[in-house]
Amino acid sequence: MFAVVYRWRLHEGKEQQFVEGWRRVTDAIHARCGSYGSRLHRADDGTWVAYARWPDAEGRERCAVPDPEGVALMSGAIAERFPETRLQIVEDLLAEPAAP
């Protein structure tokens, strides 16, 4: 499996706009491009971090922009975009709790 870590600094007051755009883009990528989804985090240094998983790097590369409006929402909220980090998953011991 393949994963990518994304990191951004947002414009103050644009957090909800960013979250809405991220959700739209993530939902579209999952539905149309075969990704395994993503998690969005807010780091203690004020940056925002997303972690996305894919079956392979090639699938991610083939995925075009599936929701341009979602991308626009995200882009309008981003003050600074950091380089992405590409990861090959070696071991996966993350265990999700059962849904209530």
PDB file of N, CA and C in Angstrom:
ATOM      1  N   MET A   1       0.838  -1.191   0.000  1.00  0.00           N
ATOM      2  CA  MET A   1       0.000   0.000   0.000  1.00  0.00           C
ATOM      3  C   MET A   1       0.878   1.248   0.000  1.00  0.00           C
ATOM      4  N   PHE A   2       0.259   2.342  -0.293  1.00  0.00           N
ATOM      5  CA  PHE A   2       0.944   3.613  -0.481  1.00  0.00           C
ATOM      6  C   PHE A   2       0.200   4.685   0.313  1.00  0.00           C
ATOM      7  N   ALA A   3       0.924   5.597   0.892  1.00  0.00           N
ATOM      8  CA  ALA A   3       0.299   6.687   1.657  1.00  0.00           C
ATOM      9  C   ALA A   3       0.996   8.001   1.331  1.00  0.00           C
ATOM     10  N   VAL A   4       0.262   9.083   1.536  1.00  0.00           N
ATOM     11  CA  VAL A   4       0.804  10.425   1.336  1.00  0.00           C
ATOM     12  C   VAL A   4       0.408  11.271   2.534  1.00  0.00           C
ATOM     13  N   VAL A   5       1.359  12.063   3.024  1.00  0.00           N
ATOM     14  CA  VAL A   5       1.091  13.005   4.104  1.00  0.00           C
ATOM     15  C   VAL A   5       1.128  14.400   3.493  1.00  0.00           C
ATOM     16  N   TYR A   6       0.077  15.163   3.744  1.00  0.00           N
ATOM     17  CA  TYR A   6      -0.036  16.544   3.261  1.00  0.00           C
ATOM     18  C   TYR A   6      -0.020  17.464   4.478  1.00  0.00           C
ATOM     19  N   ARG A   7       0.501  18.666   4.300  1.00  0.00           N
ATOM     20  CA  ARG A   7       0.541  19.614   5.418  1.00  0.00           C
ATOM     21  C   ARG A   7       0.341  21.030   4.900  1.00  0.00           C
ATOM     22  N   TRP A   8      -0.475  21.796   5.653  1.00  0.00           N
ATOM     23  CA  TRP A   8      -0.796  23.172   5.271  1.00  0.00           C
ATOM     24  C   TRP A   8      -0.848  24.076   6.493  1.00  0.00           C
ATOM     25  N   ARG A   9      -0.667  25.354   6.240  1.00  0.00           N
ATOM     26  CA  ARG A   9      -0.986  26.409   7.214  1.00  0.00           C
ATOM     27  C   ARG A   9      -2.153  27.164   6.588  1.00  0.00           C
ATOM     28  N   LEU A  10      -3.197  27.401   7.381  1.00  0.00           N
ATOM     29  CA  LEU A  10      -4.413  28.018   6.851  1.00  0.00           C
ATOM     30  C   LEU A  10      -4.512  29.484   7.222  1.00  0.00           C
ATOM     31  N   HIS A  11      -5.289  30.218   6.428  1.00  0.00           N
ATOM     32  CA  HIS A  11      -5.634  31.596   6.771  1.00  0.00           C
ATOM     33  C   HIS A  11      -6.561  31.547   7.986  1.00  0.00           C
ATOM     34  N   GLU A  12      -6.310  32.422   8.928  1.00  0.00           N
ATOM     35  CA  GLU A  12      -7.156  32.479  10.122  1.00  0.00           C
ATOM     36  C   GLU A  12      -8.606  32.737   9.717  1.00  0.00           C
ATOM     37  N   GLY A  13      -9.516  32.005  10.327  1.00  0.00           N
ATOM     38  CA  GLY A  13     -10.937  32.153  10.038  1.00  0.00           C
ATOM     39  C   GLY A  13     -11.431  31.342   8.844  1.00  0.00           C
ATOM     40  N   LYS A  14     -10.534  30.651   8.155  1.00  0.00           N
ATOM     41  CA  LYS A  14     -10.912  29.866   6.970  1.00  0.00           C
ATOM     42  C   LYS A  14     -10.907  28.358   7.251  1.00  0.00           C
ATOM     43  N   GLU A  15     -10.802  27.978   8.520  1.00  0.00           N
ATOM     44  CA  GLU A  15     -10.697  26.569   8.873  1.00  0.00           C
ATOM     45  C   GLU A  15     -11.901  25.752   8.412  1.00  0.00           C
ATOM     46  N   GLN A  16     -13.095  26.248   8.655  1.00  0.00           N
ATOM     47  CA  GLN A  16     -14.297  25.489   8.281  1.00  0.00           C
ATOM     48  C   GLN A  16     -14.423  25.364   6.764  1.00  0.00           C
ATOM     49  N   GLN A  17     -14.060  26.403   6.041  1.00  0.00           N
ATOM     50  CA  GLN A  17     -14.055  26.348   4.574  1.00  0.00           C
ATOM     51  C   GLN A  17     -13.103  25.255   4.104  1.00  0.00           C
ATOM     52  N   PHE A  18     -11.923  25.198   4.723  1.00  0.00           N
ATOM     53  CA  PHE A  18     -10.943  24.182   4.363  1.00  0.00           C
ATOM     54  C   PHE A  18     -11.483  22.781   4.633  1.00  0.00           C
ATOM     55  N   VAL A  19     -12.051  22.580   5.808  1.00  0.00           N
ATOM     56  CA  VAL A  19     -12.588  21.265   6.176  1.00  0.00           C
ATOM     57  C   VAL A  19     -13.671  20.836   5.184  1.00  0.00           C
ATOM     58  N   GLU A  20     -14.543  21.760   4.814  1.00  0.00           N
ATOM     59  CA  GLU A  20     -15.591  21.434   3.850  1.00  0.00           C
ATOM     60  C   GLU A  20     -14.992  21.016   2.511  1.00  0.00           C
ATOM     61  N   GLY A  21     -14.005  21.771   2.034  1.00  0.00           N
ATOM     62  CA  GLY A  21     -13.351  21.431   0.771  1.00  0.00           C
ATOM     63  C   GLY A  21     -12.613  20.108   0.857  1.00  0.00           C
ATOM     64  N   TRP A  22     -11.887  19.890   1.960  1.00  0.00           N
ATOM     65  CA  TRP A  22     -11.154  18.638   2.151  1.00  0.00           C
ATOM     66  C   TRP A  22     -12.113  17.446   2.138  1.00  0.00           C
ATOM     67  N   ARG A  23     -13.232  17.574   2.823  1.00  0.00           N
ATOM     68  CA  ARG A  23     -14.213  16.486   2.872  1.00  0.00           C
ATOM     69  C   ARG A  23     -14.748  16.186   1.465  1.00  0.00           C
ATOM     70  N   ARG A  24     -15.081  17.227   0.724  1.00  0.00           N
ATOM     71  CA  ARG A  24     -15.608  17.029  -0.637  1.00  0.00           C
ATOM     72  C   ARG A  24     -14.582  16.333  -1.523  1.00  0.00           C
ATOM     73  N   VAL A  25     -13.348  16.827  -1.487  1.00  0.00           N
ATOM     74  CA  VAL A  25     -12.295  16.248  -2.329  1.00  0.00           C
ATOM     75  C   VAL A  25     -12.011  14.811  -1.910  1.00  0.00           C
ATOM     76  N   THR A  26     -11.925  14.570  -0.626  1.00  0.00           N
ATOM     77  CA  THR A  26     -11.639  13.219  -0.128  1.00  0.00           C
ATOM     78  C   THR A  26     -12.755  12.255  -0.504  1.00  0.00           C
ATOM     79  N   ASP A  27     -14.018  12.674  -0.332  1.00  0.00           N
ATOM     80  CA  ASP A  27     -15.149  11.820  -0.721  1.00  0.00           C
ATOM     81  C   ASP A  27     -15.110  11.503  -2.211  1.00  0.00           C
ATOM     82  N   ALA A  28     -14.811  12.509  -3.031  1.00  0.00           N
ATOM     83  CA  ALA A  28     -14.772  12.307  -4.485  1.00  0.00           C
ATOM     84  C   ALA A  28     -13.620  11.392  -4.888  1.00  0.00           C
ATOM     85  N   ILE A  29     -12.462  11.581  -4.286  1.00  0.00           N
ATOM     86  CA  ILE A  29     -11.309  10.733  -4.601  1.00  0.00           C
ATOM     87  C   ILE A  29     -11.588   9.292  -4.194  1.00  0.00           C
ATOM     88  N   HIS A  30     -12.212   9.113  -3.063  1.00  0.00           N
ATOM     89  CA  HIS A  30     -12.553   7.758  -2.604  1.00  0.00           C
ATOM     90  C   HIS A  30     -13.544   7.101  -3.571  1.00  0.00           C
ATOM     91  N   ALA A  31     -14.564   7.839  -3.965  1.00  0.00           N
ATOM     92  CA  ALA A  31     -15.611   7.287  -4.831  1.00  0.00           C
ATOM     93  C   ALA A  31     -15.137   7.059  -6.270  1.00  0.00           C
ATOM     94  N   ARG A  32     -14.324   7.963  -6.801  1.00  0.00           N
ATOM     95  CA  ARG A  32     -13.982   7.916  -8.223  1.00  0.00           C
ATOM     96  C   ARG A  32     -12.585   7.390  -8.547  1.00  0.00           C
ATOM     97  N   CYS A  33     -11.703   7.414  -7.554  1.00  0.00           N
ATOM     98  CA  CYS A  33     -10.306   7.063  -7.850  1.00  0.00           C
ATOM     99  C   CYS A  33      -9.801   5.853  -7.079  1.00  0.00           C
ATOM    100  N   GLY A  34     -10.610   5.303  -6.195  1.00  0.00           N
ATOM    101  CA  GLY A  34     -10.206   4.096  -5.490  1.00  0.00           C
ATOM    102  C   GLY A  34      -9.290   4.294  -4.302  1.00  0.00           C
ATOM    103  N   SER A  35      -9.210   5.504  -3.771  1.00  0.00           N
ATOM    104  CA  SER A  35      -8.380   5.694  -2.576  1.00  0.00           C
ATOM    105  C   SER A  35      -9.040   5.000  -1.391  1.00  0.00           C
ATOM    106  N   TYR A  36      -8.268   4.782  -0.354  1.00  0.00           N
ATOM    107  CA  TYR A  36      -8.802   4.174   0.868  1.00  0.00           C
ATOM    108  C   TYR A  36      -9.277   5.234   1.859  1.00  0.00           C
ATOM    109  N   GLY A  37      -9.266   6.485   1.454  1.00  0.00           N
ATOM    110  CA  GLY A  37      -9.727   7.553   2.336  1.00  0.00           C
ATOM    111  C   GLY A  37      -8.576   8.316   2.961  1.00  0.00           C
ATOM    112  N   SER A  38      -8.926   9.183   3.884  1.00  0.00           N
ATOM    113  CA  SER A  38      -7.947  10.083   4.473  1.00  0.00           C
ATOM    114  C   SER A  38      -8.383  10.466   5.875  1.00  0.00           C
ATOM    115  N   ARG A  39      -7.442  10.953   6.640  1.00  0.00           N
ATOM    116  CA  ARG A  39      -7.715  11.526   7.961  1.00  0.00           C
ATOM    117  C   ARG A  39      -7.146  12.930   7.965  1.00  0.00           C
ATOM    118  N   LEU A  40      -7.864  13.836   8.599  1.00  0.00           N
ATOM    119  CA  LEU A  40      -7.420  15.220   8.710  1.00  0.00           C
ATOM    120  C   LEU A  40      -7.155  15.520  10.176  1.00  0.00           C
ATOM    121  N   HIS A  41      -6.018  16.160  10.435  1.00  0.00           N
ATOM    122  CA  HIS A  41      -5.611  16.483  11.803  1.00  0.00           C
ATOM    123  C   HIS A  41      -5.209  17.953  11.889  1.00  0.00           C
ATOM    124  N   ARG A  42      -5.342  18.493  13.079  1.00  0.00           N
ATOM    125  CA  ARG A  42      -4.772  19.812  13.364  1.00  0.00           C
ATOM    126  C   ARG A  42      -3.614  19.580  14.324  1.00  0.00           C
ATOM    127  N   ALA A  43      -2.428  19.981  13.928  1.00  0.00           N
ATOM    128  CA  ALA A  43      -1.220  19.753  14.721  1.00  0.00           C
ATOM    129  C   ALA A  43      -1.078  20.816  15.812  1.00  0.00           C
ATOM    130  N   ASP A  44      -0.289  20.491  16.818  1.00  0.00           N
ATOM    131  CA  ASP A  44      -0.112  21.429  17.929  1.00  0.00           C
ATOM    132  C   ASP A  44       0.672  22.672  17.539  1.00  0.00           C
ATOM    133  N   ASP A  45       1.313  22.673  16.362  1.00  0.00           N
ATOM    134  CA  ASP A  45       2.004  23.877  15.896  1.00  0.00           C
ATOM    135  C   ASP A  45       1.102  24.766  15.040  1.00  0.00           C
ATOM    136  N   GLY A  46      -0.189  24.390  14.933  1.00  0.00           N
ATOM    137  CA  GLY A  46      -1.141  25.195  14.178  1.00  0.00           C
ATOM    138  C   GLY A  46      -1.298  24.787  12.730  1.00  0.00           C
ATOM    139  N   THR A  47      -0.452  23.881  12.249  1.00  0.00           N
ATOM    140  CA  THR A  47      -0.618  23.409  10.871  1.00  0.00           C
ATOM    141  C   THR A  47      -1.702  22.338  10.826  1.00  0.00           C
ATOM    142  N   TRP A  48      -2.150  22.060   9.621  1.00  0.00           N
ATOM    143  CA  TRP A  48      -3.145  21.010   9.377  1.00  0.00           C
ATOM    144  C   TRP A  48      -2.452  19.913   8.594  1.00  0.00           C
ATOM    145  N   VAL A  49      -2.744  18.667   8.941  1.00  0.00           N
ATOM    146  CA  VAL A  49      -2.080  17.518   8.352  1.00  0.00           C
ATOM    147  C   VAL A  49      -3.135  16.516   7.918  1.00  0.00           C
ATOM    148  N   ALA A  50      -2.995  15.990   6.715  1.00  0.00           N
ATOM    149  CA  ALA A  50      -3.872  14.918   6.246  1.00  0.00           C
ATOM    150  C   ALA A  50      -3.000  13.744   5.846  1.00  0.00           C
ATOM    151  N   TYR A  51      -3.525  12.565   6.103  1.00  0.00           N
ATOM    152  CA  TYR A  51      -2.872  11.319   5.769  1.00  0.00           C
ATOM    153  C   TYR A  51      -3.836  10.545   4.887  1.00  0.00           C
ATOM    154  N   ALA A  52      -3.410  10.201   3.672  1.00  0.00           N
ATOM    155  CA  ALA A  52      -4.281   9.496   2.731  1.00  0.00           C
ATOM    156  C   ALA A  52      -3.627   8.188   2.302  1.00  0.00           C
ATOM    157  N   ARG A  53      -4.447   7.136   2.168  1.00  0.00           N
ATOM    158  CA  ARG A  53      -3.939   5.833   1.760  1.00  0.00           C
ATOM    159  C   ARG A  53      -4.516   5.429   0.406  1.00  0.00           C
ATOM    160  N   TRP A  54      -3.671   4.754  -0.364  1.00  0.00           N
ATOM    161  CA  TRP A  54      -4.001   4.310  -1.711  1.00  0.00           C
ATOM    162  C   TRP A  54      -3.535   2.875  -1.903  1.00  0.00           C
ATOM    163  N   PRO A  55      -4.154   2.141  -2.836  1.00  0.00           N
ATOM    164  CA  PRO A  55      -3.654   0.797  -3.135  1.00  0.00           C
ATOM    165  C   PRO A  55      -2.210   0.844  -3.651  1.00  0.00           C
ATOM    166  N   ASP A  56      -1.894   1.870  -4.453  1.00  0.00           N
ATOM    167  CA  ASP A  56      -0.542   2.013  -4.999  1.00  0.00           C
ATOM    168  C   ASP A  56      -0.336   3.447  -5.485  1.00  0.00           C
ATOM    169  N   ALA A  57       0.924   3.798  -5.710  1.00  0.00           N
ATOM    170  CA  ALA A  57       1.269   5.156  -6.147  1.00  0.00           C
ATOM    171  C   ALA A  57       0.696   5.467  -7.522  1.00  0.00           C
ATOM    172  N   GLU A  58       0.639   4.468  -8.388  1.00  0.00           N
ATOM    173  CA  GLU A  58       0.139   4.683  -9.746  1.00  0.00           C
ATOM    174  C   GLU A  58      -1.328   5.103  -9.743  1.00  0.00           C
ATOM    175  N   GLY A  59      -2.127   4.507  -8.894  1.00  0.00           N
ATOM    176  CA  GLY A  59      -3.538   4.877  -8.787  1.00  0.00           C
ATOM    177  C   GLY A  59      -3.710   6.315  -8.366  1.00  0.00           C
ATOM    178  N   ARG A  60      -2.884   6.745  -7.443  1.00  0.00           N
ATOM    179  CA  ARG A  60      -2.951   8.135  -7.007  1.00  0.00           C
ATOM    180  C   ARG A  60      -2.545   9.078  -8.132  1.00  0.00           C
ATOM    181  N   GLU A  61      -1.521   8.718  -8.874  1.00  0.00           N
ATOM    182  CA  GLU A  61      -1.046   9.561  -9.976  1.00  0.00           C
ATOM    183  C   GLU A  61      -2.085   9.682 -11.087  1.00  0.00           C
ATOM    184  N   ARG A  62      -2.864   8.637 -11.307  1.00  0.00           N
ATOM    185  CA  ARG A  62      -3.885   8.662 -12.361  1.00  0.00           C
ATOM    186  C   ARG A  62      -5.110   9.476 -11.961  1.00  0.00           C
ATOM    187  N   CYS A  63      -5.258   9.754 -10.701  1.00  0.00           N
ATOM    188  CA  CYS A  63      -6.459  10.443 -10.210  1.00  0.00           C
ATOM    189  C   CYS A  63      -6.396  11.932 -10.547  1.00  0.00           C
ATOM    190  N   ALA A  64      -7.300  12.377 -11.389  1.00  0.00           N
ATOM    191  CA  ALA A  64      -7.394  13.800 -11.720  1.00  0.00           C
ATOM    192  C   ALA A  64      -8.186  14.505 -10.610  1.00  0.00           C
ATOM    193  N   VAL A  65      -8.441  15.752 -10.769  1.00  0.00           N
ATOM    194  CA  VAL A  65      -9.199  16.530  -9.779  1.00  0.00           C
ATOM    195  C   VAL A  65     -10.675  16.164  -9.903  1.00  0.00           C
ATOM    196  N   PRO A  66     -11.195  15.354  -8.971  1.00  0.00           N
ATOM    197  CA  PRO A  66     -12.576  14.888  -9.101  1.00  0.00           C
ATOM    198  C   PRO A  66     -13.625  15.884  -8.606  1.00  0.00           C
ATOM    199  N   ASP A  67     -13.234  16.911  -7.866  1.00  0.00           N
ATOM    200  CA  ASP A  67     -14.191  17.899  -7.365  1.00  0.00           C
ATOM    201  C   ASP A  67     -13.534  19.288  -7.388  1.00  0.00           C
ATOM    202  N   PRO A  68     -13.575  19.969  -8.529  1.00  0.00           N
ATOM    203  CA  PRO A  68     -12.928  21.276  -8.646  1.00  0.00           C
ATOM    204  C   PRO A  68     -13.434  22.308  -7.624  1.00  0.00           C
ATOM    205  N   GLU A  69     -14.717  22.261  -7.286  1.00  0.00           N
ATOM    206  CA  GLU A  69     -15.244  23.209  -6.296  1.00  0.00           C
ATOM    207  C   GLU A  69     -14.645  22.939  -4.918  1.00  0.00           C
ATOM    208  N   GLY A  70     -14.490  21.664  -4.572  1.00  0.00           N
ATOM    209  CA  GLY A  70     -13.851  21.321  -3.301  1.00  0.00           C
ATOM    210  C   GLY A  70     -12.410  21.783  -3.270  1.00  0.00           C
ATOM    211  N   VAL A  71     -11.703  21.596  -4.378  1.00  0.00           N
ATOM    212  CA  VAL A  71     -10.312  22.057  -4.471  1.00  0.00           C
ATOM    213  C   VAL A  71     -10.254  23.569  -4.310  1.00  0.00           C
ATOM    214  N   ALA A  72     -11.184  24.296  -4.915  1.00  0.00           N
ATOM    215  CA  ALA A  72     -11.213  25.761  -4.799  1.00  0.00           C
ATOM    216  C   ALA A  72     -11.452  26.195  -3.353  1.00  0.00           C
ATOM    217  N   LEU A  73     -12.345  25.490  -2.650  1.00  0.00           N
ATOM    218  CA  LEU A  73     -12.579  25.810  -1.241  1.00  0.00           C
ATOM    219  C   LEU A  73     -11.303  25.626  -0.435  1.00  0.00           C
ATOM    220  N   MET A  74     -10.640  24.507  -0.643  1.00  0.00           N
ATOM    221  CA  MET A  74      -9.387  24.259   0.072  1.00  0.00           C
ATOM    222  C   MET A  74      -8.348  25.315  -0.269  1.00  0.00           C
ATOM    223  N   SER A  75      -8.146  25.554  -1.560  1.00  0.00           N
ATOM    224  CA  SER A  75      -7.109  26.495  -2.006  1.00  0.00           C
ATOM    225  C   SER A  75      -7.320  27.895  -1.439  1.00  0.00           C
ATOM    226  N   GLY A  76      -8.583  28.318  -1.360  1.00  0.00           N
ATOM    227  CA  GLY A  76      -8.879  29.639  -0.828  1.00  0.00           C
ATOM    228  C   GLY A  76      -8.606  29.781   0.655  1.00  0.00           C
ATOM    229  N   ALA A  77      -8.451  28.661   1.348  1.00  0.00           N
ATOM    230  CA  ALA A  77      -8.205  28.679   2.783  1.00  0.00           C
ATOM    231  C   ALA A  77      -6.731  28.488   3.138  1.00  0.00           C
ATOM    232  N   ILE A  78      -5.937  28.083   2.167  1.00  0.00           N
ATOM    233  CA  ILE A  78      -4.537  27.742   2.436  1.00  0.00           C
ATOM    234  C   ILE A  78      -3.639  28.970   2.323  1.00  0.00           C
ATOM    235  N   ALA A  79      -2.910  29.242   3.412  1.00  0.00           N
ATOM    236  CA  ALA A  79      -1.930  30.331   3.418  1.00  0.00           C
ATOM    237  C   ALA A  79      -0.553  29.824   2.973  1.00  0.00           C
ATOM    238  N   GLU A  80      -0.243  28.572   3.329  1.00  0.00           N
ATOM    239  CA  GLU A  80       1.054  27.978   2.996  1.00  0.00           C
ATOM    240  C   GLU A  80       0.872  26.479   2.799  1.00  0.00           C
ATOM    241  N   ARG A  81       1.464  25.974   1.749  1.00  0.00           N
ATOM    242  CA  ARG A  81       1.392  24.542   1.419  1.00  0.00           C
ATOM    243  C   ARG A  81       2.811  23.975   1.531  1.00  0.00           C
ATOM    244  N   PHE A  82       2.973  22.932   2.330  1.00  0.00           N
ATOM    245  CA  PHE A  82       4.269  22.301   2.521  1.00  0.00           C
ATOM    246  C   PHE A  82       4.421  21.129   1.552  1.00  0.00           C
ATOM    247  N   PRO A  83       5.644  20.725   1.243  1.00  0.00           N
ATOM    248  CA  PRO A  83       5.829  19.586   0.336  1.00  0.00           C
ATOM    249  C   PRO A  83       5.179  18.327   0.918  1.00  0.00           C
ATOM    250  N   GLU A  84       4.585  17.533   0.046  1.00  0.00           N
ATOM    251  CA  GLU A  84       3.976  16.282   0.504  1.00  0.00           C
ATOM    252  C   GLU A  84       5.065  15.252   0.761  1.00  0.00           C
ATOM    253  N   THR A  85       4.745  14.294   1.615  1.00  0.00           N
ATOM    254  CA  THR A  85       5.642  13.185   1.922  1.00  0.00           C
ATOM    255  C   THR A  85       4.987  11.905   1.445  1.00  0.00           C
ATOM    256  N   ARG A  86       5.663  11.173   0.583  1.00  0.00           N
ATOM    257  CA  ARG A  86       5.151   9.908   0.047  1.00  0.00           C
ATOM    258  C   ARG A  86       5.731   8.765   0.869  1.00  0.00           C
ATOM    259  N   LEU A  87       4.878   7.828   1.228  1.00  0.00           N
ATOM    260  CA  LEU A  87       5.280   6.738   2.117  1.00  0.00           C
ATOM    261  C   LEU A  87       4.905   5.389   1.543  1.00  0.00           C
ATOM    262  N   GLN A  88       5.777   4.422   1.658  1.00  0.00           N
ATOM    263  CA  GLN A  88       5.459   3.031   1.391  1.00  0.00           C
ATOM    264  C   GLN A  88       5.172   2.399   2.748  1.00  0.00           C
ATOM    265  N   ILE A  89       4.008   1.798   2.908  1.00  0.00           N
ATOM    266  CA  ILE A  89       3.642   1.204   4.187  1.00  0.00           C
ATOM    267  C   ILE A  89       4.400  -0.110   4.339  1.00  0.00           C
ATOM    268  N   VAL A  90       5.150  -0.218   5.433  1.00  0.00           N
ATOM    269  CA  VAL A  90       5.948  -1.399   5.716  1.00  0.00           C
ATOM    270  C   VAL A  90       5.198  -2.328   6.662  1.00  0.00           C
ATOM    271  N   GLU A  91       4.611  -1.775   7.704  1.00  0.00           N
ATOM    272  CA  GLU A  91       3.797  -2.511   8.674  1.00  0.00           C
ATOM    273  C   GLU A  91       2.614  -1.636   9.029  1.00  0.00           C
ATOM    274  N   ASP A  92       1.484  -2.238   9.328  1.00  0.00           N
ATOM    275  CA  ASP A  92       0.282  -1.478   9.678  1.00  0.00           C
ATOM    276  C   ASP A  92      -0.357  -2.109  10.905  1.00  0.00           C
ATOM    277  N   LEU A  93      -0.169  -1.466  12.051  1.00  0.00           N
ATOM    278  CA  LEU A  93      -0.736  -1.962  13.298  1.00  0.00           C
ATOM    279  C   LEU A  93      -1.798  -1.012  13.834  1.00  0.00           C
ATOM    280  N   LEU A  94      -2.292  -0.127  13.000  1.00  0.00           N
ATOM    281  CA  LEU A  94      -3.355   0.773  13.411  1.00  0.00           C
ATOM    282  C   LEU A  94      -4.655  -0.020  13.520  1.00  0.00           C
ATOM    283  N   ALA A  95      -5.265   0.022  14.686  1.00  0.00           N
ATOM    284  CA  ALA A  95      -6.502  -0.737  14.924  1.00  0.00           C
ATOM    285  C   ALA A  95      -7.628   0.239  15.220  1.00  0.00           C
ATOM    286  N   GLU A  96      -8.655   0.193  14.409  1.00  0.00           N
ATOM    287  CA  GLU A  96      -9.811   1.066  14.589  1.00  0.00           C
ATOM    288  C   GLU A  96     -10.736   0.486  15.647  1.00  0.00           C
ATOM    289  N   PRO A  97     -11.292   1.334  16.509  1.00  0.00           N
ATOM    290  CA  PRO A  97     -12.286   0.832  17.463  1.00  0.00           C
ATOM    291  C   PRO A  97     -13.566   0.440  16.731  1.00  0.00           C
ATOM    292  N   ALA A  98     -14.285  -0.493  17.274  1.00  0.00           N
ATOM    293  CA  ALA A  98     -15.560  -0.891  16.688  1.00  0.00           C
ATOM    294  C   ALA A  98     -16.553   0.252  16.809  1.00  0.00           C
ATOM    295  N   ALA A  99     -17.375   0.432  15.785  1.00  0.00           N
ATOM    296  CA  ALA A  99     -18.401   1.493  15.819  1.00  0.00           C
ATOM    297  C   ALA A  99     -19.428   1.158  16.881  1.00  0.00           C
ATOM    298  N   PRO A 100     -19.912   2.170  17.622  1.00  0.00           N
ATOM    299  CA  PRO A 100     -20.889   1.914  18.684  1.00  0.00           C
ATOM    300  C   PRO A 100     -22.225   1.410  18.166  1.00  0.00           C
TER     301      PRO A 100
END
